């Protein structure tokens, strides 16, 4: 380890912030002005992780759906998954040590993780469109170079594109070509192939209104359109000319359950919103009575799962299909999956890393958070079975055709992580094949009304949960209070969980009517405020 190089680079990025910063589900995410030293140190850690795994590691600079003043960084492991949990702790430790202990902390990581410091290292770097991102990228690159790591800087890209590039580099491009051109070409070619030359029919039209959240996804959409040609026309709004994630984007539409700013309201027009780094997507439309309808991640998951089940049945393939949800999944969707689709469903704690890990248990694993973050995973053995079916001339033409559609659908999907643009393509593929409008899609099942609130607390760590975050263990008495409140509402359900990045407690409530859900959400929030050390204004839901 070249201590002199590290010390020299460290002097350019001294630790100026005394507060504690924690690596959570979304990596580090906070105000951009305090992240310079964190980015430098994550550059150092990415090199050590790369040396440890003998593989390329990703480093993405983004604060996703947060607004412009914030920024963040997340590391991506070799298979495109989120950073291993044990290394999250190392990241938190490294970000918070004083400058004088930085080198000794690095040396301790090398020792405890048995890292060959002379092994090569390759770090793939990407960033979103925030004004602070170029400066923070420079800090990260300084850290990579200080430990003699190789930098693969792709500049402004979406988070899912970075995940894709990491996987391609680590699989000798068997997953895809490790360029942005390779990304666009792989997904668009499969989309056009499965779509074929058949025209749109019934209630589907090949036109989509898309809210780009004024983020990097808007740039990618414009580029995608060049590859997609006339197979679908995307009408882009919030294209980067406005404020990032301000009253627009998937998170805004999901939480506020209203259409984004700047998108013209048109009746029965198919619309979608992605978030600032393009890893979430939700669909929506306004009906003939100007009522807003949201089709979120739960809806996307059930649409995809039902489509894959149909193709498996048509092809006669005996593959295990499963769907993974979090506690945020609407109760209506869970009932539909288990009772109508009869597909195995599992519940895991909030966070893509938990969903992704569980999805890998199935031959084909579908997972989406309600916020629209998700994808589909496929075991290599399942891919082999599908390819064999396509080549098996003893099977019927119908079976081989279904297997071929299944394989093309797989190619449309970015398996490495939730990818809003990839998810748009698979949703459009399915709607096209069924001839459905969004209203047709929505008829599959009825969502239960739900509400989310935030309660600011002194320390989010006073909240601890079990049972995939559906039950609160501490503080004492809170879960009992929640159970008592829920019992007074027919079909009522509520849970609370600490935020992964801020001293906030997130409250979710669900019930059979909007008014009852509003009351339940308020009552549970007041219980959290009282028992978990709430500060600031008491959260109140307007009537």
Protein backbone atom coordinates (compact mmCIF):
# COMPACT_ATOMS: atom_id res chain seq x y z
CA UNK A 1 0.00 0.00 0.00
CA UNK A 2 1.45 3.33 -1.10
CA UNK A 3 0.90 5.36 2.06
CA UNK A 4 2.46 8.48 0.53
CA UNK A 5 -0.03 8.49 -2.36
CA UNK A 6 -2.94 8.08 0.04
CA UNK A 7 -1.73 10.84 2.34
CA UNK A 8 -1.18 13.20 -0.59
CA UNK A 9 -4.65 12.53 -2.03
CA UNK A 10 -6.24 12.73 1.43
CA UNK A 11 -5.00 16.28 1.84
CA UNK A 12 -7.22 17.26 -1.11
CA UNK A 13 -10.29 15.72 0.54
CA UNK A 14 -10.03 16.28 4.31
CA UNK A 15 -12.84 15.24 6.62
CA UNK A 16 -14.71 18.45 7.44
CA UNK A 17 -17.94 16.97 8.76
CA UNK A 18 -18.18 15.80 12.38
CA UNK A 19 -21.56 14.09 12.17
CA UNK A 20 -22.02 10.34 11.73
CA UNK A 21 -22.84 9.06 8.23
CA UNK A 22 -24.23 5.56 7.75
CA UNK A 23 -24.13 3.30 4.70
CA UNK A 24 -27.69 2.06 4.31
CA UNK A 25 -29.88 0.33 1.76
CA UNK A 26 -29.26 3.16 -0.70
CA UNK A 27 -25.58 3.58 0.17
CA UNK A 28 -24.62 6.98 1.57
CA UNK A 29 -27.16 9.71 0.88
CA UNK A 30 -27.17 13.16 2.41
CA UNK A 31 -26.42 16.82 1.65
CA UNK A 32 -23.90 17.05 -1.17
CA UNK A 33 -21.64 19.60 0.52
CA UNK A 34 -20.55 17.14 3.24
CA UNK A 35 -19.75 14.22 0.94
CA UNK A 36 -16.35 15.09 -0.52
CA UNK A 37 -14.31 13.04 1.97
CA UNK A 38 -16.86 10.22 1.79
CA UNK A 39 -16.50 9.96 -1.99
CA UNK A 40 -12.72 9.89 -1.74
CA UNK A 41 -12.85 7.10 0.83
CA UNK A 42 -15.41 5.10 -1.15
CA UNK A 43 -12.98 5.28 -4.07
CA UNK A 44 -10.39 3.70 -1.80
CA UNK A 45 -12.85 1.07 -0.54
CA UNK A 46 -13.99 0.20 -4.06
CA UNK A 47 -10.39 -0.64 -4.96
CA UNK A 48 -10.05 -2.90 -1.92
CA UNK A 49 -13.35 -4.59 -2.76
CA UNK A 50 -12.20 -5.13 -6.35
CA UNK A 51 -8.90 -6.61 -5.18
CA UNK A 52 -10.76 -8.81 -2.69
CA UNK A 53 -13.21 -10.17 -5.29
CA UNK A 54 -10.71 -10.15 -8.20
CA UNK A 55 -13.45 -8.51 -10.25
CA UNK A 56 -14.74 -5.14 -11.42
CA UNK A 57 -16.71 -3.13 -8.85
CA UNK A 58 -19.17 -0.31 -9.56
CA UNK A 59 -19.28 3.11 -7.91
CA UNK A 60 -22.39 5.16 -8.66
CA UNK A 61 -22.78 8.78 -7.58
CA UNK A 62 -26.45 9.61 -7.19
CA UNK A 63 -29.15 10.45 -4.67
CA UNK A 64 -31.81 8.74 -6.77
CA UNK A 65 -35.24 10.29 -6.10
CA UNK A 66 -33.96 12.93 -3.65
CA UNK A 67 -34.00 16.54 -4.81
CA UNK A 68 -31.00 18.48 -6.15
CA UNK A 69 -29.30 19.58 -2.86
CA UNK A 70 -28.59 15.96 -1.90
CA UNK A 71 -26.21 13.43 -3.36
CA UNK A 72 -24.91 10.00 -2.50
CA UNK A 73 -22.81 7.02 -3.48
CA UNK A 74 -23.39 3.29 -3.69
CA UNK A 75 -20.98 0.47 -4.47
CA UNK A 76 -22.00 -2.36 -6.79
CA UNK A 77 -20.68 -5.89 -6.34
CA UNK A 78 -19.45 -8.10 -9.24
CA UNK A 79 -22.78 -9.75 -10.12
CA UNK A 80 -24.53 -6.39 -10.18
CA UNK A 81 -25.92 -6.79 -6.68
CA UNK A 82 -25.76 -4.29 -3.84
CA UNK A 83 -22.65 -4.25 -1.64
CA UNK A 84 -22.31 -7.21 0.72
CA UNK A 85 -23.69 -6.40 4.19
CA UNK A 86 -20.37 -6.98 6.00
CA UNK A 87 -18.75 -4.42 3.70
CA UNK A 88 -21.52 -1.92 4.39
CA UNK A 89 -20.17 -1.83 7.94
CA UNK A 90 -16.65 -1.30 6.63
CA UNK A 91 -17.92 1.54 4.45
CA UNK A 92 -19.57 3.22 7.44
CA UNK A 93 -16.42 2.82 9.52
CA UNK A 94 -14.15 4.17 6.79
CA UNK A 95 -16.38 7.17 6.10
CA UNK A 96 -16.41 8.24 9.74
CA UNK A 97 -12.83 7.75 10.98
CA UNK A 98 -10.71 10.82 11.53
CA UNK A 99 -8.11 11.66 8.88
CA UNK A 100 -5.28 10.57 11.19
CA UNK A 101 -6.71 7.03 11.34
CA UNK A 102 -7.56 6.65 7.66
CA UNK A 103 -4.45 4.73 6.63
CA UNK A 104 -4.50 2.43 9.66
CA UNK A 105 -8.19 1.70 9.01
CA UNK A 106 -7.40 0.77 5.40
CA UNK A 107 -4.56 -1.46 6.55
CA UNK A 108 -6.89 -3.17 9.01
CA UNK A 109 -9.41 -3.87 6.23
CA UNK A 110 -6.63 -5.35 4.09
CA UNK A 111 -5.57 -7.56 6.97
CA UNK A 112 -8.98 -8.73 8.21
CA UNK A 113 -10.30 -9.38 4.69
CA UNK A 114 -7.10 -11.14 3.55
CA UNK A 115 -6.72 -8.83 0.57
CA UNK A 116 -3.74 -9.13 -1.76
CA UNK A 117 -2.85 -5.46 -2.03
CA UNK A 118 -0.86 -6.16 -5.21
CA UNK A 119 -3.87 -7.67 -7.02
CA UNK A 120 -5.32 -5.62 -9.89
CA UNK A 121 -8.43 -3.50 -9.34
CA UNK A 122 -11.04 -2.18 -11.77
CA UNK A 123 -13.71 0.32 -10.71
CA UNK A 124 -16.58 1.35 -13.00
CA UNK A 125 -17.65 4.92 -12.19
CA UNK A 126 -20.92 6.61 -13.12
CA UNK A 127 -22.79 9.70 -11.99
CA UNK A 128 -26.16 11.38 -12.36
CA UNK A 129 -26.90 14.92 -13.59
CA UNK A 130 -26.68 16.79 -10.27
CA UNK A 131 -24.49 19.88 -10.21
CA UNK A 132 -22.45 18.37 -7.38
CA UNK A 133 -21.81 15.06 -9.17
CA UNK A 134 -18.73 16.02 -11.28
CA UNK A 135 -16.96 17.39 -8.19
CA UNK A 136 -17.78 14.32 -6.15
CA UNK A 137 -16.77 12.02 -9.01
CA UNK A 138 -13.35 13.67 -9.01
CA UNK A 139 -12.99 12.89 -5.29
CA UNK A 140 -13.93 9.24 -5.88
CA UNK A 141 -11.48 8.92 -8.78
CA UNK A 142 -8.73 10.43 -6.61
CA UNK A 143 -9.38 7.65 -4.10
CA UNK A 144 -9.27 4.96 -6.77
CA UNK A 145 -6.02 6.24 -8.19
CA UNK A 146 -4.44 6.62 -4.75
CA UNK A 147 -4.58 2.82 -4.42
CA UNK A 148 -3.50 2.26 -8.02
CA UNK A 149 -6.93 1.10 -9.16
CA UNK A 150 -7.98 1.26 -12.81
CA UNK A 151 -10.79 3.74 -13.50
CA UNK A 152 -13.53 2.96 -16.03
CA UNK A 153 -15.33 6.31 -16.04
CA UNK A 154 -18.63 6.27 -17.98
CA UNK A 155 -19.53 9.79 -16.78
CA UNK A 156 -23.30 10.52 -16.89
CA UNK A 157 -25.26 7.24 -16.94
CA UNK A 158 -28.27 5.75 -15.19
CA UNK A 159 -27.74 3.59 -12.12
CA UNK A 160 -29.06 0.48 -13.93
CA UNK A 161 -26.64 1.09 -16.80
CA UNK A 162 -23.76 1.02 -14.33
CA UNK A 163 -25.00 -2.29 -12.90
CA UNK A 164 -25.26 -3.68 -16.45
CA UNK A 165 -21.70 -2.59 -17.30
CA UNK A 166 -20.27 -4.17 -14.14
CA UNK A 167 -21.90 -7.52 -14.91
CA UNK A 168 -20.80 -7.45 -18.56
CA UNK A 169 -17.18 -6.83 -17.55
CA UNK A 170 -17.29 -9.67 -15.01
CA UNK A 171 -18.87 -12.22 -17.36
CA UNK A 172 -16.55 -11.62 -20.34
CA UNK A 173 -19.53 -9.97 -22.06
CA UNK A 174 -21.63 -13.15 -22.06
CA UNK A 175 -24.43 -11.08 -20.49
CA UNK A 176 -23.97 -8.23 -22.96
CA UNK A 177 -21.43 -5.90 -24.52
CA UNK A 178 -19.87 -3.61 -21.90
CA UNK A 179 -20.75 -0.33 -23.61
CA UNK A 180 -23.77 1.94 -23.57
CA UNK A 181 -24.33 1.01 -27.20
CA UNK A 182 -24.38 -2.64 -26.13
CA UNK A 183 -26.96 -1.84 -23.45
CA UNK A 184 -29.31 -0.01 -25.80
CA UNK A 185 -28.87 -2.54 -28.57
CA UNK A 186 -29.48 -5.62 -26.40
CA UNK A 187 -32.73 -4.37 -24.88
CA UNK A 188 -34.14 -2.69 -27.99
CA UNK A 189 -33.39 -5.64 -30.32
CA UNK A 190 -35.17 -8.07 -28.00
CA UNK A 191 -38.09 -5.67 -27.60
CA UNK A 192 -38.54 -5.32 -31.36
CA UNK A 193 -38.11 -9.05 -31.92
CA UNK A 194 -40.80 -10.10 -29.46
CA UNK A 195 -43.07 -7.31 -30.67
CA UNK A 196 -42.63 -8.49 -34.24
CA UNK A 197 -44.31 -6.81 -37.16
CA UNK A 198 -47.79 -7.22 -35.71
CA UNK A 199 -49.62 -3.92 -35.39
CA UNK A 200 -51.12 -2.65 -32.16
CA UNK A 201 -54.65 -3.86 -31.65
CA UNK A 202 -57.66 -3.68 -29.36
CA UNK A 203 -57.03 -1.01 -26.71
CA UNK A 204 -53.24 -0.72 -27.00
CA UNK A 205 -51.50 2.05 -28.94
CA UNK A 206 -47.70 2.29 -29.40
CA UNK A 207 -47.43 5.70 -27.75
CA UNK A 208 -46.27 6.50 -24.23
CA UNK A 209 -46.12 9.77 -22.30
CA UNK A 210 -43.08 9.60 -20.01
CA UNK A 211 -42.05 11.86 -17.10
CA UNK A 212 -38.23 11.80 -16.92
CA UNK A 213 -37.98 13.49 -13.47
CA UNK A 214 -35.54 16.00 -15.02
CA UNK A 215 -32.82 13.41 -14.43
CA UNK A 216 -30.33 11.21 -16.22
CA UNK A 217 -33.12 8.88 -17.31
CA UNK A 218 -34.41 11.59 -19.64
CA UNK A 219 -31.07 11.53 -21.45
CA UNK A 220 -31.25 7.76 -21.75
CA UNK A 221 -34.84 7.90 -23.07
CA UNK A 222 -33.81 10.19 -25.92
CA UNK A 223 -30.99 7.81 -26.80
CA UNK A 224 -33.23 4.75 -26.50
CA UNK A 225 -35.70 6.21 -28.97
CA UNK A 226 -33.01 6.10 -31.67
CA UNK A 227 -32.72 2.33 -31.19
CA UNK A 228 -36.44 1.64 -30.78
CA UNK A 229 -37.38 3.39 -34.03
CA UNK A 230 -41.10 3.38 -34.75
CA UNK A 231 -41.81 0.30 -32.58
CA UNK A 232 -42.94 2.74 -29.89
CA UNK A 233 -43.04 6.53 -29.67
CA UNK A 234 -42.12 8.05 -26.30
CA UNK A 235 -43.32 11.59 -25.63
CA UNK A 236 -40.89 12.93 -23.03
CA UNK A 237 -41.65 15.53 -20.35
CA UNK A 238 -39.51 16.80 -17.46
CA UNK A 239 -36.60 16.18 -19.79
CA UNK A 240 -33.87 17.85 -17.74
CA UNK A 241 -34.84 21.46 -18.29
CA UNK A 242 -36.45 21.73 -14.84
CA UNK A 243 -35.55 20.93 -11.22
CA UNK A 244 -34.48 17.34 -10.56
CA UNK A 245 -37.23 15.27 -8.89
CA UNK A 246 -39.18 18.43 -8.00
CA UNK A 247 -42.90 17.61 -8.07
CA UNK A 248 -42.19 14.93 -10.63
CA UNK A 249 -40.71 11.47 -10.93
CA UNK A 250 -41.81 8.04 -9.77
CA UNK A 251 -41.45 8.68 -6.03
CA UNK A 252 -43.50 11.89 -6.19
CA UNK A 253 -46.27 10.23 -8.19
CA UNK A 254 -46.33 7.15 -5.94
CA UNK A 255 -46.37 8.98 -2.61
CA UNK A 256 -48.60 11.91 -3.61
CA UNK A 257 -50.79 9.77 -5.89
CA UNK A 258 -51.15 12.58 -8.37
CA UNK A 259 -49.73 13.32 -11.77
CA UNK A 260 -46.37 15.11 -12.05
CA UNK A 261 -45.88 18.78 -12.77
CA UNK A 262 -45.50 19.86 -16.43
CA UNK A 263 -47.17 16.76 -17.87
CA UNK A 264 -50.41 17.78 -19.59
CA UNK A 265 -53.48 16.06 -18.20
CA UNK A 266 -55.16 14.01 -20.91
CA UNK A 267 -57.95 11.52 -20.43
CA UNK A 268 -57.18 7.81 -20.87
CA UNK A 269 -53.59 8.40 -22.07
CA UNK A 270 -50.94 5.85 -21.00
CA UNK A 271 -48.30 7.62 -18.87
CA UNK A 272 -45.25 6.56 -16.87
CA UNK A 273 -42.88 8.28 -14.44
CA UNK A 274 -39.31 7.24 -13.70
CA UNK A 275 -37.12 8.61 -10.92
CA UNK A 276 -33.95 10.71 -11.04
CA UNK A 277 -31.50 7.86 -11.64
CA UNK A 278 -33.96 5.70 -13.63
CA UNK A 279 -34.25 2.66 -11.38
CA UNK A 280 -37.94 3.11 -10.50
CA UNK A 281 -41.04 3.38 -12.64
CA UNK A 282 -44.79 3.69 -12.06
CA UNK A 283 -47.60 3.98 -14.58
CA UNK A 284 -50.69 6.17 -14.32
CA UNK A 285 -53.63 7.58 -16.26
CA UNK A 286 -56.56 9.98 -15.83
CA UNK A 287 -59.99 8.56 -16.66
CA UNK A 288 -62.95 10.20 -18.37
CA UNK A 289 -64.09 11.74 -15.08
CA UNK A 290 -60.61 13.22 -14.50
CA UNK A 291 -59.89 10.72 -11.72
CA UNK A 292 -56.20 9.79 -11.26
CA UNK A 293 -55.28 6.08 -11.39
CA UNK A 294 -51.88 4.78 -10.24
CA UNK A 295 -50.37 1.47 -11.37
CA UNK A 296 -47.34 0.98 -9.15
CA UNK A 297 -44.68 -1.66 -8.58
CA UNK A 298 -47.22 -4.15 -7.23
CA UNK A 299 -49.18 -3.86 -10.46
CA UNK A 300 -46.05 -4.25 -12.57
CA UNK A 301 -45.01 -7.34 -10.61
CA UNK A 302 -48.37 -9.05 -11.04
CA UNK A 303 -48.52 -8.16 -14.75
CA UNK A 304 -45.08 -9.65 -15.40
CA UNK A 305 -45.67 -12.71 -13.21
CA UNK A 306 -48.97 -13.52 -14.92
CA UNK A 307 -47.36 -13.13 -18.37
CA UNK A 308 -44.51 -15.46 -17.52
CA UNK A 309 -46.93 -17.98 -16.04
CA UNK A 310 -48.90 -17.97 -19.32
CA UNK A 311 -45.73 -18.51 -21.38
CA UNK A 312 -44.58 -21.32 -19.10
CA UNK A 313 -47.95 -23.03 -19.42
CA UNK A 314 -47.96 -22.64 -23.23
CA UNK A 315 -44.41 -23.97 -23.53
CA UNK A 316 -45.00 -26.81 -21.08
CA UNK A 317 -41.82 -25.94 -19.17
CA UNK A 318 -41.61 -27.07 -15.56
CA UNK A 319 -39.85 -24.06 -14.04
CA UNK A 320 -40.51 -22.63 -10.59
CA UNK A 321 -41.92 -19.11 -10.83
CA UNK A 322 -42.08 -17.00 -7.67
CA UNK A 323 -42.87 -13.43 -6.68
CA UNK A 324 -41.17 -11.48 -3.87
CA UNK A 325 -42.71 -8.48 -2.09
CA UNK A 326 -42.07 -6.23 0.90
CA UNK A 327 -44.48 -5.14 3.61
CA UNK A 328 -45.32 -2.11 1.43
CA UNK A 329 -47.04 -4.37 -1.11
CA UNK A 330 -50.74 -3.64 -1.27
CA UNK A 331 -52.89 -6.31 0.34
CA UNK A 332 -55.02 -6.45 -2.80
CA UNK A 333 -52.01 -7.48 -4.87
CA UNK A 334 -50.94 -10.16 -2.38
CA UNK A 335 -54.43 -11.70 -2.41
CA UNK A 336 -54.48 -11.66 -6.23
CA UNK A 337 -51.07 -13.33 -6.52
CA UNK A 338 -51.74 -16.09 -4.02
CA UNK A 339 -55.46 -16.75 -4.62
CA UNK A 340 -55.97 -15.99 -8.34
CA UNK A 341 -52.59 -16.41 -10.02
CA UNK A 342 -51.65 -19.09 -7.49
CA UNK A 343 -47.98 -18.13 -7.70
CA UNK A 344 -45.77 -18.59 -4.61
CA UNK A 345 -45.21 -15.23 -2.89
CA UNK A 346 -42.53 -14.38 -0.32
CA UNK A 347 -42.19 -11.28 1.88
CA UNK A 348 -38.80 -9.80 2.80
CA UNK A 349 -37.54 -6.61 4.50
CA UNK A 350 -37.56 -3.38 2.52
CA UNK A 351 -34.61 -2.93 0.18
CA UNK A 352 -33.73 -4.22 -3.25
CA UNK A 353 -30.86 -6.32 -1.90
CA UNK A 354 -33.32 -8.39 0.17
CA UNK A 355 -35.75 -8.77 -2.71
CA UNK A 356 -33.04 -9.67 -5.21
CA UNK A 357 -31.47 -12.27 -2.91
CA UNK A 358 -34.80 -14.00 -2.29
CA UNK A 359 -35.76 -13.90 -5.98
CA UNK A 360 -32.69 -15.98 -6.76
CA UNK A 361 -34.28 -18.90 -4.90
CA UNK A 362 -36.70 -19.36 -7.81
CA UNK A 363 -35.97 -20.48 -11.38
CA UNK A 364 -37.72 -17.25 -12.38
CA UNK A 365 -38.02 -14.69 -9.59
CA UNK A 366 -40.13 -11.56 -10.02
CA UNK A 367 -39.64 -8.80 -7.48
CA UNK A 368 -40.83 -5.22 -7.21
CA UNK A 369 -41.16 -2.78 -4.39
CA UNK A 370 -44.42 -0.85 -4.43
CA UNK A 371 -42.39 2.25 -5.35
CA UNK A 372 -41.66 0.71 -8.76
CA UNK A 373 -38.13 -0.61 -8.14
CA UNK A 374 -37.70 -4.16 -9.33
CA UNK A 375 -36.80 -6.69 -12.00
CA UNK A 376 -36.89 -10.41 -12.85
CA UNK A 377 -34.07 -12.88 -12.21
CA UNK A 378 -33.42 -16.15 -14.03
CA UNK A 379 -31.25 -19.08 -13.03
CA UNK A 380 -28.75 -20.24 -15.63
CA UNK A 381 -30.32 -23.70 -15.49
CA UNK A 382 -33.69 -22.15 -16.37
CA UNK A 383 -32.18 -20.36 -19.36
CA UNK A 384 -30.70 -23.66 -20.53
CA UNK A 385 -34.09 -25.36 -20.24
CA UNK A 386 -35.76 -22.62 -22.27
CA UNK A 387 -33.12 -22.73 -25.02
CA UNK A 388 -33.42 -26.52 -25.23
CA UNK A 389 -37.18 -26.22 -25.67
CA UNK A 390 -36.77 -23.79 -28.56
CA UNK A 391 -34.48 -26.25 -30.35
CA UNK A 392 -36.60 -29.32 -29.57
CA UNK A 393 -38.42 -30.16 -32.82
CA UNK A 394 -40.48 -32.80 -31.03
CA UNK A 395 -42.35 -30.04 -29.22
CA UNK A 396 -45.36 -28.39 -30.86
CA UNK A 397 -44.97 -25.12 -32.74
CA UNK A 398 -47.06 -23.46 -30.04
CA UNK A 399 -44.74 -24.67 -27.27
CA UNK A 400 -41.57 -23.65 -29.11
CA UNK A 401 -43.06 -20.25 -29.99
CA UNK A 402 -43.94 -19.62 -26.33
CA UNK A 403 -40.41 -20.62 -25.28
CA UNK A 404 -38.98 -18.24 -27.88
CA UNK A 405 -41.16 -15.40 -26.60
CA UNK A 406 -39.99 -16.23 -23.08
CA UNK A 407 -36.34 -16.01 -24.10
CA UNK A 408 -36.84 -12.68 -25.88
CA UNK A 409 -38.71 -11.32 -22.86
CA UNK A 410 -35.72 -12.30 -20.73
CA UNK A 411 -33.42 -10.33 -23.05
CA UNK A 412 -35.63 -7.24 -22.64
CA UNK A 413 -35.11 -7.38 -18.87
CA UNK A 414 -32.04 -5.96 -17.13
CA UNK A 415 -31.62 -8.71 -14.53
CA UNK A 416 -28.85 -6.92 -12.65
CA UNK A 417 -31.08 -4.42 -10.84
CA UNK A 418 -34.35 -2.56 -11.06
CA UNK A 419 -34.14 -0.65 -14.36
CA UNK A 420 -36.98 1.77 -15.08
CA UNK A 421 -36.39 1.81 -18.84
CA UNK A 422 -36.04 -1.94 -19.13
CA UNK A 423 -39.18 -2.32 -17.01
CA UNK A 424 -41.04 0.07 -19.33
CA UNK A 425 -40.09 -2.13 -22.29
CA UNK A 426 -41.34 -5.34 -20.68
CA UNK A 427 -44.58 -3.68 -19.54
CA UNK A 428 -45.12 -2.33 -23.06
CA UNK A 429 -44.37 -5.78 -24.46
CA UNK A 430 -47.05 -7.38 -22.30
CA UNK A 431 -49.69 -4.68 -22.85
CA UNK A 432 -49.07 -4.92 -26.60
CA UNK A 433 -49.42 -8.72 -26.57
CA UNK A 434 -52.71 -8.51 -24.69
CA UNK A 435 -54.05 -5.44 -26.49
CA UNK A 436 -54.63 -3.76 -23.15
CA UNK A 437 -55.03 -0.15 -22.09
CA UNK A 438 -54.06 0.83 -18.56
CA UNK A 439 -57.72 0.59 -17.57
CA UNK A 440 -57.76 -3.01 -18.82
CA UNK A 441 -54.63 -3.76 -16.82
CA UNK A 442 -56.10 -2.16 -13.69
CA UNK A 443 -59.13 -4.48 -13.79
CA UNK A 444 -56.96 -7.43 -12.69
CA UNK A 445 -57.59 -6.64 -9.01
CA UNK A 446 -58.61 -3.78 -6.73
CA UNK A 447 -56.02 -2.00 -4.60
CA UNK A 448 -56.84 -1.28 -0.98
CA UNK A 449 -56.56 2.45 -0.14
CA UNK A 450 -53.23 3.20 1.54
CA UNK A 451 -51.28 6.11 3.01
CA UNK A 452 -47.64 6.76 3.92
CA UNK A 453 -46.42 9.33 6.46
CA UNK A 454 -43.06 10.26 7.97
CA UNK A 455 -42.41 11.02 11.64
CA UNK A 456 -39.20 12.88 12.49
CA UNK A 457 -37.48 11.42 15.56
CA UNK A 458 -34.31 12.09 17.53
CA UNK A 459 -32.83 8.67 16.70
CA UNK A 460 -34.34 6.29 14.14
CA UNK A 461 -32.46 3.39 15.74
CA UNK A 462 -34.98 3.32 18.62
CA UNK A 463 -37.23 1.50 16.13
CA UNK A 464 -36.38 -2.16 15.54
CA UNK A 465 -38.49 -4.66 13.63
CA UNK A 466 -38.92 -8.35 12.83
CA UNK A 467 -41.10 -10.42 10.46
CA UNK A 468 -39.90 -8.62 7.30
CA UNK A 469 -40.41 -5.27 9.10
CA UNK A 470 -44.09 -5.97 9.71
CA UNK A 471 -43.75 -6.14 13.50
CA UNK A 472 -42.10 -3.54 15.75
CA UNK A 473 -39.98 -4.86 18.64
CA UNK A 474 -38.84 -1.56 20.14
CA UNK A 475 -39.73 0.81 21.64
CA UNK A 476 -41.77 -1.13 24.17
CA UNK A 477 -45.50 -0.83 23.76
CA UNK A 478 -45.54 0.57 20.23
CA UNK A 479 -46.53 -2.64 18.44
CA UNK A 480 -49.28 -3.27 20.99
CA UNK A 481 -50.62 0.23 20.33
CA UNK A 482 -50.51 -0.34 16.56
CA UNK A 483 -52.31 -3.69 16.91
CA UNK A 484 -55.06 -2.05 18.99
CA UNK A 485 -55.55 0.73 16.43
CA UNK A 486 -55.54 -1.63 13.44
CA UNK A 487 -58.15 -3.87 15.07
CA UNK A 488 -60.71 -1.04 14.95
CA UNK A 489 -60.64 -0.84 11.13
CA UNK A 490 -62.03 -3.52 8.76
CA UNK A 491 -59.20 -4.83 6.56
CA UNK A 492 -56.86 -2.47 8.42
CA UNK A 493 -53.10 -2.97 8.29
CA UNK A 494 -50.24 -0.76 9.43
CA UNK A 495 -46.54 -1.04 10.16
CA UNK A 496 -43.66 1.27 10.95
CA UNK A 497 -39.98 1.08 10.08
CA UNK A 498 -36.93 3.33 10.47
CA UNK A 499 -35.64 5.19 7.42
CA UNK A 500 -32.40 3.82 6.05
CA UNK A 501 -30.86 7.26 5.60
CA UNK A 502 -32.50 9.82 7.90
CA UNK A 503 -33.80 10.10 11.47
CA UNK A 504 -37.31 9.41 10.30
CA UNK A 505 -39.83 6.69 11.00
CA UNK A 506 -41.92 5.67 8.00
CA UNK A 507 -45.56 4.82 8.67
CA UNK A 508 -47.69 2.74 6.28
CA UNK A 509 -51.43 2.27 6.68
CA UNK A 510 -54.00 0.37 4.64
CA UNK A 511 -57.75 -0.17 4.90
CA UNK A 512 -61.03 -0.49 3.07
CA UNK A 513 -61.73 3.26 2.59
CA UNK A 514 -59.68 6.42 2.05
CA UNK A 515 -61.10 8.17 5.11
CA UNK A 516 -60.35 5.22 7.38
CA UNK A 517 -56.81 4.93 6.06
CA UNK A 518 -56.20 8.62 6.69
CA UNK A 519 -57.37 8.24 10.29
CA UNK A 520 -55.35 5.07 10.86
CA UNK A 521 -52.18 6.61 9.41
CA UNK A 522 -52.57 9.65 11.67
CA UNK A 523 -53.24 7.59 14.80
CA UNK A 524 -50.26 5.31 14.22
CA UNK A 525 -48.05 8.35 13.48
CA UNK A 526 -49.12 9.95 16.75
CA UNK A 527 -48.26 6.73 18.59
CA UNK A 528 -44.79 6.75 16.99
CA UNK A 529 -44.38 10.43 17.87
CA UNK A 530 -45.24 9.71 21.50
CA UNK A 531 -43.32 6.47 22.04
CA UNK A 532 -40.31 6.87 19.72
CA UNK A 533 -39.19 10.40 20.56
CA UNK A 534 -40.84 12.46 17.86
CA UNK A 535 -39.62 16.01 17.25
CA UNK A 536 -40.91 18.91 15.19
CA UNK A 537 -44.49 19.28 13.94
CA UNK A 538 -46.88 16.42 14.70
CA UNK A 539 -47.81 14.72 11.43
CA UNK A 540 -51.45 15.30 10.55
CA UNK A 541 -53.32 13.95 7.52
CA UNK A 542 -55.76 16.52 6.09
CA UNK A 543 -59.40 15.46 5.73
